[in-house]
Amino acid sequence: MIDRAWADEFAREWAANWNARDVEAVLAHFAADVVFRSPRIAAVYGAGRFSVTGIAALRDYWVKALAANPDLRFEVLKVGVGGDALTIYYRNQRGVEVAETLVFGGDGKASAGVVTHF
């Protein structure tokens, strides 16, 4: 079970790694067979595609997305805790509010992620 202190620290580290553009540090928290969903995937791979499966595919997506967003910046607003999951509610560099929910397996790695925009 994820507790508040762990979730808050995870979110701080997550944002710091993103703001440093350190994809490998962010990926270190994900399982090899992760399934990740985001509406922004379509901007990278084309209309109708909203998910990637596997750590290599997630790396490819994030590297391409970062290249297209040189001013990327995340500000954590809130962190939600829910059993084996957490949600990071943040504002990006465009002022868009975003929620990213990660579900963790017994190995402490995120096996699934879902991003929604407000």
Protein backbone atom coordinates (compact mmCIF):
# COMPACT_ATOMS: atom_id res chain seq x y z
CA MET A 1 0.00 0.00 0.00
CA ILE A 2 1.20 3.47 -0.90
CA ASP A 3 1.30 5.94 1.96
CA ARG A 4 1.10 9.74 1.85
CA ALA A 5 4.79 10.38 2.59
CA TRP A 6 5.95 8.00 -0.16
CA ALA A 7 3.47 9.45 -2.69
CA ASP A 8 4.48 13.05 -1.93
CA GLU A 9 8.18 12.21 -2.26
CA PHE A 10 7.56 10.28 -5.48
CA ALA A 11 5.69 13.25 -6.98
CA ARG A 12 8.46 15.69 -6.01
CA GLU A 13 11.11 13.46 -7.57
CA TRP A 14 8.93 12.81 -10.64
CA ALA A 15 8.50 16.54 -11.31
CA ALA A 16 12.19 17.26 -10.70
CA ASN A 17 13.19 14.54 -13.16
CA TRP A 18 10.78 15.80 -15.80
CA ASN A 19 11.89 19.40 -15.31
CA ALA A 20 15.51 18.22 -15.71
CA ARG A 21 14.40 16.39 -18.90
CA ASP A 22 15.81 13.15 -17.46
CA VAL A 23 13.72 10.50 -19.23
CA GLU A 24 15.80 7.62 -17.88
CA ALA A 25 15.22 8.72 -14.29
CA VAL A 26 11.46 8.87 -14.90
CA LEU A 27 11.49 5.50 -16.69
CA ALA A 28 13.28 3.87 -13.75
CA HIS A 29 9.92 3.82 -11.95
CA PHE A 30 8.12 1.83 -14.67
CA ALA A 31 7.76 -1.91 -15.25
CA ALA A 32 9.09 -3.46 -18.46
CA ASP A 33 5.54 -4.30 -19.61
CA VAL A 34 3.96 -0.95 -18.67
CA VAL A 35 0.83 0.20 -20.49
CA PHE A 36 0.65 3.99 -20.68
CA ARG A 37 -2.32 6.02 -21.94
CA SER A 38 -2.33 9.72 -22.77
CA PRO A 39 -4.22 11.98 -25.16
CA ARG A 40 -0.83 13.49 -26.12
CA ILE A 41 0.35 10.21 -27.68
CA ALA A 42 -1.75 11.08 -30.74
CA ALA A 43 0.30 14.28 -31.19
CA VAL A 44 3.44 12.15 -31.51
CA TYR A 45 2.16 9.10 -33.42
CA GLY A 46 -0.97 10.31 -35.17
CA ALA A 47 -4.71 10.57 -34.64
CA GLY A 48 -6.40 7.66 -32.96
CA ARG A 49 -3.42 6.38 -31.01
CA PHE A 50 -3.65 6.95 -27.29
CA SER A 51 -1.47 4.26 -25.70
CA VAL A 52 1.96 2.66 -25.76
CA THR A 53 2.94 -0.72 -24.34
CA GLY A 54 6.36 -1.63 -22.98
CA ILE A 55 9.23 0.39 -21.58
CA ALA A 56 10.94 0.80 -24.99
CA ALA A 57 7.77 2.23 -26.54
CA LEU A 58 7.28 4.54 -23.57
CA ARG A 59 10.88 5.76 -23.88
CA ASP A 60 10.42 6.41 -27.61
CA TYR A 61 7.21 8.37 -26.98
CA TRP A 62 8.71 10.50 -24.21
CA VAL A 63 11.94 11.24 -26.12
CA LYS A 64 9.92 12.38 -29.15
CA ALA A 65 7.50 14.39 -27.00
CA LEU A 66 10.37 16.14 -25.19
CA ALA A 67 12.01 17.04 -28.49
CA ALA A 68 8.78 18.74 -29.54
CA ASN A 69 8.42 20.56 -26.19
CA PRO A 70 11.74 22.20 -25.31
CA ASP A 71 10.11 24.37 -22.63
CA LEU A 72 8.43 21.47 -20.78
CA ARG A 73 7.83 22.23 -17.12
CA PHE A 74 5.60 20.55 -14.53
CA GLU A 75 4.34 22.08 -11.29
CA VAL A 76 2.76 19.57 -8.88
CA LEU A 77 -0.49 20.93 -7.43
CA LYS A 78 -1.79 17.90 -5.52
CA VAL A 79 -1.04 14.22 -4.99
CA GLY A 80 -3.76 11.63 -4.48
CA VAL A 81 -3.17 8.27 -2.81
CA GLY A 82 -5.25 5.17 -3.50
CA GLY A 83 -4.06 1.77 -2.32
CA ASP A 84 -1.67 0.62 -5.04
CA ALA A 85 -2.00 3.82 -7.09
CA LEU A 86 -1.26 7.51 -6.91
CA THR A 87 -2.41 10.48 -8.94
CA ILE A 88 -0.20 13.48 -9.59
CA TYR A 89 -2.28 16.55 -10.39
CA TYR A 90 -0.08 19.18 -12.01
CA ARG A 91 0.08 22.19 -14.30
CA ASN A 92 2.28 22.04 -17.38
CA GLN A 93 4.19 24.79 -19.17
CA ARG A 94 1.12 25.65 -21.29
CA GLY A 95 -1.00 26.23 -18.19
CA VAL A 96 -2.98 23.03 -18.77
CA GLU A 97 -3.97 21.11 -15.64
CA VAL A 98 -3.23 17.40 -15.92
CA ALA A 99 -3.81 14.30 -13.79
CA GLU A 100 -1.46 11.35 -14.16
CA THR A 101 -2.48 8.18 -12.35
CA LEU A 102 0.09 5.43 -11.88
CA VAL A 103 -0.73 1.90 -10.69
CA PHE A 104 2.12 0.06 -8.97
CA GLY A 105 2.85 -3.67 -8.85
CA GLY A 106 4.35 -5.61 -5.98
CA ASP A 107 7.83 -4.82 -7.30
CA GLY A 108 7.28 -1.09 -6.70
CA LYS A 109 7.23 -0.29 -10.42
CA ALA A 110 4.35 1.38 -12.24
CA SER A 111 2.62 -1.16 -14.47
CA ALA A 112 0.03 1.25 -15.83
CA GLY A 113 -0.35 4.97 -16.30
CA VAL A 114 -3.29 7.08 -17.43
CA VAL A 115 -3.08 10.80 -18.21
CA THR A 116 -6.11 13.08 -18.44
CA HIS A 117 -6.24 16.80 -19.22
CA PHE A 118 -8.64 19.39 -17.79
